[in-house]
C-alpha atoms as a PDB file:
ATOM      1  CA  MET A   1     -10.727  -7.049 -22.449  1.00  0.00           C
ATOM      2  CA  ARG A   2     -10.252  -5.165 -25.735  1.00  0.00           C
ATOM      3  CA  ILE A   3     -12.459  -2.322 -24.484  1.00  0.00           C
ATOM      4  CA  ILE A   4     -10.391  -2.051 -21.298  1.00  0.00           C
ATOM      5  CA  LYS A   5      -7.161  -2.110 -23.314  1.00  0.00           C
ATOM      6  CA  LYS A   6      -8.399   0.708 -25.599  1.00  0.00           C
ATOM      7  CA  LYS A   7      -9.522   2.753 -22.594  1.00  0.00           C
ATOM      8  CA  ILE A   8      -6.157   2.401 -20.853  1.00  0.00           C
ATOM      9  CA  HIS A   9      -4.234   3.457 -23.961  1.00  0.00           C
ATOM     10  CA  ALA A  10      -6.644   6.349 -24.587  1.00  0.00           C
ATOM     11  CA  ILE A  11      -6.108   7.691 -21.063  1.00  0.00           C
ATOM     12  CA  ALA A  12      -2.336   7.266 -21.408  1.00  0.00           C
ATOM     13  CA  GLU A  13      -2.364   9.261 -24.642  1.00  0.00           C
ATOM     14  CA  ASN A  14      -4.593  12.008 -23.263  1.00  0.00           C
ATOM     15  CA  ASN A  15      -2.313  14.023 -20.993  1.00  0.00           C
ATOM     16  CA  SER A  16      -5.131  16.448 -20.170  1.00  0.00           C
ATOM     17  CA  PHE A  17      -6.672  13.665 -18.077  1.00  0.00           C
ATOM     18  CA  PHE A  18      -3.846  14.135 -15.573  1.00  0.00           C
ATOM     19  CA  THR A  19      -4.385  17.774 -14.677  1.00  0.00           C
ATOM     20  CA  GLU A  20      -3.028  19.042 -11.370  1.00  0.00           C
ATOM     21  CA  LYS A  21      -6.575  19.324 -10.043  1.00  0.00           C
ATOM     22  CA  THR A  22      -7.410  15.730 -11.028  1.00  0.00           C
ATOM     23  CA  LEU A  23      -4.199  14.372  -9.517  1.00  0.00           C
ATOM     24  CA  LYS A  24      -4.880  16.246  -6.288  1.00  0.00           C
ATOM     25  CA  GLN A  25      -8.433  14.861  -6.112  1.00  0.00           C
ATOM     26  CA  ASN A  26      -7.212  11.311  -6.769  1.00  0.00           C
ATOM     27  CA  ASN A  27      -4.567  11.631  -4.071  1.00  0.00           C
ATOM     28  CA  PHE A  28      -7.178  12.824  -1.586  1.00  0.00           C
ATOM     29  CA  ILE A  29      -9.355   9.826  -2.521  1.00  0.00           C
ATOM     30  CA  LEU A  30      -6.339   7.560  -2.041  1.00  0.00           C
ATOM     31  CA  LEU A  31      -5.539   9.146   1.329  1.00  0.00           C
ATOM     32  CA  PHE A  32      -9.146   8.799   2.501  1.00  0.00           C
ATOM     33  CA  SER A  33      -9.264   5.168   1.355  1.00  0.00           C
ATOM     34  CA  LEU A  34      -5.980   4.340   3.117  1.00  0.00           C
ATOM     35  CA  LEU A  35      -7.103   5.978   6.359  1.00  0.00           C
ATOM     36  CA  LEU A  36     -10.438   4.177   6.129  1.00  0.00           C
ATOM     37  CA  PHE A  37      -8.566   0.919   5.616  1.00  0.00           C
ATOM     38  CA  VAL A  38      -6.221   1.511   8.552  1.00  0.00           C
ATOM     39  CA  PHE A  39      -8.994   2.534  10.959  1.00  0.00           C
ATOM     40  CA  ALA A  40     -11.635   0.114   9.642  1.00  0.00           C
ATOM     41  CA  TYR A  41     -10.906  -2.434  12.364  1.00  0.00           C
ATOM     42  CA  SER A  42     -11.924  -0.037  15.113  1.00  0.00           C
ATOM     43  CA  ILE A  43     -15.141   0.719  13.209  1.00  0.00           C
ATOM     44  CA  ILE A  44     -16.136  -2.753  11.968  1.00  0.00           C
ATOM     45  CA  LYS A  45     -14.349  -5.481  13.922  1.00  0.00           C
ATOM     46  CA  SER A  46     -15.642  -8.258  11.683  1.00  0.00           C
ATOM     47  CA  ILE A  47     -13.854  -6.973   8.574  1.00  0.00           C
ATOM     48  CA  ASP A  48     -11.220  -9.283   7.080  1.00  0.00           C
ATOM     49  CA  PHE A  49      -9.754 -10.358   3.741  1.00  0.00           C
ATOM     50  CA  ASN A  50     -12.960 -12.183   2.757  1.00  0.00           C
ATOM     51  CA  ASN A  51     -15.238  -9.250   3.542  1.00  0.00           C
ATOM     52  CA  TRP A  52     -16.997  -7.287   0.776  1.00  0.00           C
ATOM     53  CA  LEU A  53     -16.256  -3.977   2.498  1.00  0.00           C
ATOM     54  CA  PHE A  54     -12.564  -4.876   2.540  1.00  0.00           C
ATOM     55  CA  ASP A  55     -12.607  -5.410  -1.232  1.00  0.00           C
ATOM     56  CA  ILE A  56     -14.492  -2.158  -1.876  1.00  0.00           C
ATOM     57  CA  ILE A  57     -11.892  -0.170   0.084  1.00  0.00           C
ATOM     58  CA  ILE A  58      -9.022  -2.010  -1.609  1.00  0.00           C
ATOM     59  CA  SER A  59     -10.600  -1.359  -5.029  1.00  0.00           C
ATOM     60  CA  ALA A  60     -10.721   2.372  -4.246  1.00  0.00           C
ATOM     61  CA  ILE A  61      -7.044   2.266  -3.231  1.00  0.00           C
ATOM     62  CA  VAL A  62      -6.050   0.455  -6.443  1.00  0.00           C
ATOM     63  CA  LEU A  63      -8.000   2.744  -8.771  1.00  0.00           C
ATOM     64  CA  SER A  64      -6.963   6.008  -7.100  1.00  0.00           C
ATOM     65  CA  GLY A  65      -3.369   4.765  -6.765  1.00  0.00           C
ATOM     66  CA  VAL A  66      -3.001   4.109 -10.484  1.00  0.00           C
ATOM     67  CA  THR A  67      -4.336   7.581 -11.325  1.00  0.00           C
ATOM     68  CA  SER A  68      -2.653   9.491  -8.492  1.00  0.00           C
ATOM     69  CA  LEU A  69       0.418  10.578 -10.440  1.00  0.00           C
ATOM     70  CA  LYS A  70       1.329  11.698 -13.942  1.00  0.00           C
ATOM     71  CA  PHE A  71       3.299   8.594 -14.811  1.00  0.00           C
ATOM     72  CA  ARG A  72       4.962   8.158 -18.167  1.00  0.00           C
ATOM     73  CA  LYS A  73       2.868   6.339 -20.734  1.00  0.00           C
ATOM     74  CA  LYS A  74       4.593   2.945 -20.401  1.00  0.00           C
ATOM     75  CA  LYS A  75       4.560   3.123 -16.593  1.00  0.00           C
ATOM     76  CA  PHE A  76       0.879   4.060 -16.536  1.00  0.00           C
ATOM     77  CA  ILE A  77      -0.036   1.207 -18.890  1.00  0.00           C
ATOM     78  CA  ARG A  78       1.891  -1.312 -16.734  1.00  0.00           C
ATOM     79  CA  LEU A  79       0.256  -0.017 -13.568  1.00  0.00           C
ATOM     80  CA  SER A  80      -3.186  -0.086 -15.187  1.00  0.00           C
ATOM     81  CA  TYR A  81      -2.862  -3.705 -16.313  1.00  0.00           C
ATOM     82  CA  PHE A  82      -1.439  -4.707 -12.941  1.00  0.00           C
ATOM     83  CA  GLY A  83      -4.291  -2.919 -11.194  1.00  0.00           C
ATOM     84  CA  PHE A  84      -6.875  -4.575 -13.442  1.00  0.00           C
ATOM     85  CA  PHE A  85      -5.611  -8.089 -12.718  1.00  0.00           C
ATOM     86  CA  THR A  86      -5.340  -7.273  -9.009  1.00  0.00           C
ATOM     87  CA  LEU A  87      -9.013  -6.282  -8.929  1.00  0.00           C
ATOM     88  CA  LEU A  88      -9.940  -9.289 -11.050  1.00  0.00           C
ATOM     89  CA  PHE A  89      -8.393 -11.783  -8.612  1.00  0.00           C
ATOM     90  CA  LEU A  90      -9.635  -9.780  -5.629  1.00  0.00           C
ATOM     91  CA  TRP A  91     -13.271 -10.153  -6.679  1.00  0.00           C
ATOM     92  CA  LEU A  92     -12.975 -13.631  -8.198  1.00  0.00           C
ATOM     93  CA  LYS A  93     -12.417 -15.082  -4.745  1.00  0.00           C
ATOM     94  CA  HIS A  94     -16.061 -14.249  -3.976  1.00  0.00           C
ATOM     95  CA  PHE A  95     -17.157 -16.545  -6.787  1.00  0.00           C
ATOM     96  CA  ILE A  96     -14.441 -19.214  -6.720  1.00  0.00           C
ATOM     97  CA  PHE A  97     -14.512 -20.478  -3.152  1.00  0.00           C
ATOM     98  CA  THR A  98     -11.128 -22.154  -2.893  1.00  0.00           C
ATOM     99  CA  LEU A  99      -8.170 -21.551  -0.609  1.00  0.00           C
ATOM    100  CA  GLU A 100      -5.903 -21.483  -3.663  1.00  0.00           C
ATOM    101  CA  MET A 101      -7.834 -18.558  -5.180  1.00  0.00           C
ATOM    102  CA  LYS A 102      -7.713 -16.611  -1.908  1.00  0.00           C
ATOM    103  CA  PHE A 103      -3.985 -17.248  -1.618  1.00  0.00           C
ATOM    104  CA  ILE A 104      -3.338 -16.117  -5.204  1.00  0.00           C
ATOM    105  CA  ALA A 105      -5.510 -13.008  -4.780  1.00  0.00           C
ATOM    106  CA  PHE A 106      -3.694 -12.079  -1.572  1.00  0.00           C
ATOM    107  CA  ASN A 107      -0.248 -12.446  -3.133  1.00  0.00           C
ATOM    108  CA  VAL A 108      -1.198 -10.483  -6.260  1.00  0.00           C
ATOM    109  CA  LEU A 109      -2.481  -7.736  -3.963  1.00  0.00           C
ATOM    110  CA  ILE A 110       0.800  -7.671  -2.041  1.00  0.00           C
ATOM    111  CA  PHE A 111       2.870  -7.375  -5.231  1.00  0.00           C
ATOM    112  CA  PHE A 112       0.635  -4.589  -6.556  1.00  0.00           C
ATOM    113  CA  PHE A 113       0.932  -2.604  -3.332  1.00  0.00           C
ATOM    114  CA  ILE A 114       4.717  -2.999  -3.391  1.00  0.00           C
ATOM    115  CA  TYR A 115       4.906  -1.904  -7.030  1.00  0.00           C
ATOM    116  CA  ILE A 116       2.610   1.112  -6.641  1.00  0.00           C
ATOM    117  CA  THR A 117       4.461   2.198  -3.477  1.00  0.00           C
ATOM    118  CA  TYR A 118       7.836   1.924  -5.228  1.00  0.00           C
ATOM    119  CA  SER A 119       6.466   3.945  -8.158  1.00  0.00           C
ATOM    120  CA  MET A 120       5.171   6.671  -5.849  1.00  0.00           C
ATOM    121  CA  ILE A 121       8.398   6.941  -3.868  1.00  0.00           C
ATOM    122  CA  ALA A 122      10.389   7.104  -7.115  1.00  0.00           C
ATOM    123  CA  TYR A 123       8.101   9.911  -8.328  1.00  0.00           C
ATOM    124  CA  VAL A 124       8.624  11.882  -5.112  1.00  0.00           C
ATOM    125  CA  ALA A 125      12.399  11.472  -5.413  1.00  0.00           C
ATOM    126  CA  LYS A 126      12.595  12.453  -9.099  1.00  0.00           C
ATOM    127  CA  ASN A 127      10.109  15.351  -9.191  1.00  0.00           C
ATOM    128  CA  ASP A 128      11.839  18.728  -8.892  1.00  0.00           C
ATOM    129  CA  LYS A 129       8.916  20.829  -7.663  1.00  0.00           C
ATOM    130  CA  ILE A 130       7.264  20.642  -4.256  1.00  0.00           C
ATOM    131  CA  THR A 131       3.533  20.593  -4.880  1.00  0.00           C
ATOM    132  CA  SER A 132       0.466  19.553  -2.906  1.00  0.00           C
ATOM    133  CA  VAL A 133       0.301  16.409  -5.076  1.00  0.00           C
ATOM    134  CA  LEU A 134       3.869  15.477  -4.147  1.00  0.00           C
ATOM    135  CA  ILE A 135       3.233  16.032  -0.409  1.00  0.00           C
ATOM    136  CA  LEU A 136       0.023  13.970  -0.512  1.00  0.00           C
ATOM    137  CA  ASN A 137       1.859  11.257  -2.422  1.00  0.00           C
ATOM    138  CA  ALA A 138       4.616  11.141   0.193  1.00  0.00           C
ATOM    139  CA  ILE A 139       2.001  10.693   2.956  1.00  0.00           C
ATOM    140  CA  ASN A 140       0.182   7.996   0.991  1.00  0.00           C
ATOM    141  CA  SER A 141       3.451   6.130   0.395  1.00  0.00           C
ATOM    142  CA  TYR A 142       4.141   6.004   4.136  1.00  0.00           C
ATOM    143  CA  LEU A 143       0.671   4.587   4.851  1.00  0.00           C
ATOM    144  CA  LEU A 144       1.130   2.033   2.074  1.00  0.00           C
ATOM    145  CA  ILE A 145       4.413   0.848   3.622  1.00  0.00           C
ATOM    146  CA  GLY A 146       2.574   0.183   6.892  1.00  0.00           C
ATOM    147  CA  ILE A 147      -0.185  -1.743   5.116  1.00  0.00           C
ATOM    148  CA  ILE A 148       2.354  -3.792   3.134  1.00  0.00           C
ATOM    149  CA  GLY A 149       3.998  -4.728   6.425  1.00  0.00           C
ATOM    150  CA  GLY A 150       0.668  -6.025   7.710  1.00  0.00           C
ATOM    151  CA  PHE A 151       0.207  -8.042   4.520  1.00  0.00           C
ATOM    152  CA  LEU A 152       3.669  -9.582   4.902  1.00  0.00           C
ATOM    153  CA  PHE A 153       3.102 -10.543   8.536  1.00  0.00           C
ATOM    154  CA  THR A 154      -0.183 -12.164   7.531  1.00  0.00           C
ATOM    155  CA  LEU A 155       1.502 -13.970   4.629  1.00  0.00           C
ATOM    156  CA  LEU A 156       4.205 -15.274   6.954  1.00  0.00           C
ATOM    157  CA  GLN A 157       1.606 -16.779   9.287  1.00  0.00           C
ATOM    158  CA  THR A 158      -0.229 -18.282   6.305  1.00  0.00           C
ATOM    159  CA  LEU A 159       2.963 -19.896   4.985  1.00  0.00           C
ATOM    160  CA  TYR A 160       3.619 -21.469   8.382  1.00  0.00           C
ATOM    161  CA  GLN A 161       0.097 -22.911   8.361  1.00  0.00           C
ATOM    162  CA  ILE A 162       0.552 -24.265   4.829  1.00  0.00           C
ATOM    163  CA  ALA A 163       3.786 -25.907   5.963  1.00  0.00           C
ATOM    164  CA  GLY A 164       1.821 -27.683   8.695  1.00  0.00           C
ATOM    165  CA  LYS A 165       3.354 -25.753  11.582  1.00  0.00           C
ATOM    166  CA  SER A 166       0.885 -24.847  14.322  1.00  0.00           C
ATOM    167  CA  VAL A 167       3.160 -22.239  15.899  1.00  0.00           C
ATOM    168  CA  GLU A 168       2.049 -18.598  15.974  1.00  0.00           C
ATOM    169  CA  THR A 169       4.628 -16.403  14.242  1.00  0.00           C
ATOM    170  CA  ILE A 170       3.592 -13.429  16.391  1.00  0.00           C
ATOM    171  CA  ASN A 171       2.387 -13.457  19.993  1.00  0.00           C
ATOM    172  CA  PHE A 172      -0.579 -11.185  20.756  1.00  0.00           C
ATOM    173  CA  SER A 173      -1.044 -10.806  24.514  1.00  0.00           C
ATOM    174  CA  TYR A 174      -4.619  -9.557  24.153  1.00  0.00           C
ATOM    175  CA  THR A 175      -5.979 -12.374  21.957  1.00  0.00           C
ATOM    176  CA  ASN A 176      -5.402 -16.030  21.122  1.00  0.00           C
ATOM    177  CA  THR A 177      -7.114 -15.710  17.733  1.00  0.00           C
ATOM    178  CA  PRO A 178      -5.515 -12.774  15.891  1.00  0.00           C
ATOM    179  CA  ARG A 179      -7.364 -11.369  12.898  1.00  0.00           C
ATOM    180  CA  PHE A 180      -6.003  -9.726   9.769  1.00  0.00           C
ATOM    181  CA  PHE A 181      -6.122  -6.212  11.180  1.00  0.00           C
ATOM    182  CA  ASP A 182      -4.146  -7.271  14.256  1.00  0.00           C
ATOM    183  CA  TYR A 183      -1.214  -7.770  11.869  1.00  0.00           C
ATOM    184  CA  ILE A 184      -1.881  -4.354  10.293  1.00  0.00           C
ATOM    185  CA  TYR A 185      -1.851  -2.816  13.775  1.00  0.00           C
ATOM    186  CA  TYR A 186       1.436  -4.546  14.640  1.00  0.00           C
ATOM    187  CA  SER A 187       2.968  -3.357  11.374  1.00  0.00           C
ATOM    188  CA  PHE A 188       2.205   0.316  12.064  1.00  0.00           C
ATOM    189  CA  ILE A 189       3.352   0.055  15.683  1.00  0.00           C
ATOM    190  CA  THR A 190       6.636  -1.373  14.373  1.00  0.00           C
ATOM    191  CA  LEU A 191       6.891   1.101  11.475  1.00  0.00           C
ATOM    192  CA  THR A 192       6.533   4.077  13.815  1.00  0.00           C
ATOM    193  CA  THR A 193       8.834   2.417  16.421  1.00  0.00           C
ATOM    194  CA  VAL A 194       6.202   2.944  19.129  1.00  0.00           C
ATOM    195  CA  GLY A 195       6.487  -0.634  20.397  1.00  0.00           C
ATOM    196  CA  TYR A 196       3.937  -0.908  23.203  1.00  0.00           C
ATOM    197  CA  GLY A 197       5.213  -4.388  24.028  1.00  0.00           C
ATOM    198  CA  GLU A 198       1.898  -6.260  23.973  1.00  0.00           C
ATOM    199  CA  ILE A 199       2.880  -7.896  20.650  1.00  0.00           C
ATOM    200  CA  THR A 200       6.129  -9.763  20.075  1.00  0.00           C
ATOM    201  CA  PRO A 201       7.520 -11.768  17.124  1.00  0.00           C
ATOM    202  CA  ALA A 202       7.802 -15.429  18.068  1.00  0.00           C
ATOM    203  CA  VAL A 203       9.912 -16.872  15.221  1.00  0.00           C
ATOM    204  CA  PRO A 204      13.165 -15.701  13.574  1.00  0.00           C
ATOM    205  CA  ALA A 205      11.432 -14.842  10.272  1.00  0.00           C
ATOM    206  CA  ALA A 206       8.945 -12.579  12.077  1.00  0.00           C
ATOM    207  CA  ARG A 207      11.771 -10.882  13.986  1.00  0.00           C
ATOM    208  CA  SER A 208      13.683 -10.236  10.749  1.00  0.00           C
ATOM    209  CA  LEU A 209      10.548  -8.819   9.113  1.00  0.00           C
ATOM    210  CA  ALA A 210       9.922  -6.586  12.141  1.00  0.00           C
ATOM    211  CA  ILE A 211      13.486  -5.248  11.914  1.00  0.00           C
ATOM    212  CA  PHE A 212      13.058  -4.595   8.194  1.00  0.00           C
ATOM    213  CA  ILE A 213       9.782  -2.696   8.655  1.00  0.00           C
ATOM    214  CA  GLY A 214      11.135  -0.663  11.574  1.00  0.00           C
ATOM    215  CA  ILE A 215      14.237   0.362   9.620  1.00  0.00           C
ATOM    216  CA  SER A 216      12.168   1.087   6.506  1.00  0.00           C
ATOM    217  CA  GLY A 217       9.942   3.499   8.422  1.00  0.00           C
ATOM    218  CA  GLN A 218      12.854   5.460   9.869  1.00  0.00           C
ATOM    219  CA  LEU A 219      14.823   5.516   6.612  1.00  0.00           C
ATOM    220  CA  TYR A 220      11.765   6.667   4.682  1.00  0.00           C
ATOM    221  CA  LEU A 221      11.118   9.620   6.990  1.00  0.00           C
ATOM    222  CA  THR A 222      14.804  10.587   7.144  1.00  0.00           C
ATOM    223  CA  VAL A 223      15.351  10.416   3.384  1.00  0.00           C
ATOM    224  CA  LEU A 224      11.991  12.091   2.676  1.00  0.00           C
ATOM    225  CA  VAL A 225      12.840  15.093   4.850  1.00  0.00           C
ATOM    226  CA  ALA A 226      16.260  15.369   3.191  1.00  0.00           C
ATOM    227  CA  ILE A 227      14.704  15.200  -0.295  1.00  0.00           C
ATOM    228  CA  LEU A 228      12.002  17.777   0.464  1.00  0.00           C
ATOM    229  CA  VAL A 229      14.481  20.190   2.076  1.00  0.00           C
ATOM    230  CA  GLY A 230      16.818  19.787  -0.911  1.00  0.00           C
ATOM    231  CA  LYS A 231      14.004  20.486  -3.368  1.00  0.00           C
ATOM    232  CA  PHE A 232      12.858  23.518  -1.352  1.00  0.00           C
ATOM    233  CA  LEU A 233      16.343  25.021  -1.258  1.00  0.00           C
ATOM    234  CA  SER A 234      16.872  24.275  -4.937  1.00  0.00           C
ATOM    235  CA  ASN A 235      13.610  25.991  -5.891  1.00  0.00           C
ATOM    236  CA  ASN A 236      14.498  29.045  -3.786  1.00  0.00           C
ATOM    237  CA  ASN A 237      17.941  29.340  -5.417  1.00  0.00           C
ATOM    238  CA  THR A 238      16.349  29.042  -8.871  1.00  0.00           C
ATOM    239  CA  LYS A 239      13.912  31.872  -8.080  1.00  0.00           C
ATOM    240  CA  LYS A 240      16.720  34.115  -6.839  1.00  0.00           C
ATOM    241  CA  ASP A 241      18.753  33.547 -10.006  1.00  0.00           C
END
């Protein structure tokens, strides 16, 4: 633990570690990992939260996410510690075979994804220059929102099961035994407002969550375009002056 702590502080102090080239590479790794995660179900249908491949992909997302932006020292240290404990719980569930450990690991993962996504969106909003790193980060943030939605739908179903309710929170017309990535699929269909109609929320909480994700997707794209256009015009006016 001391070695990890020293390493984190050393990286935070060494600004040369976060060169534009390094940040760009890390964002490409993050983008590749997110796309692999999103499309993994169509490649390996047996993948789920307890699968080793799932944890390898998630680990790549966590590590590249923490090092994808030039955060301030305190922010980077917080993200690094959060990422470390997320990975710790993620892999501990392979050695501590209890439902409690899986539930804790899943919730820690959700909170990390929410925190890293918030940090990325804040960076995009505050940064004055439009760079390839900023554009990649904006794309990664959108994919992360979709994945978080899938996590939340899965968590909702889990909470209903813990409460002893046998009802399905979401109706899937094509299967009676939905898997984790079915919830990821539903989240992205809702986020993009495609809405094929083969999946419908069955309880009020699921409907509210679907509304929230749908609105979040549209607001994100609308605000993102406005921010990028504003930055572009501002940079052009600065060059002219």
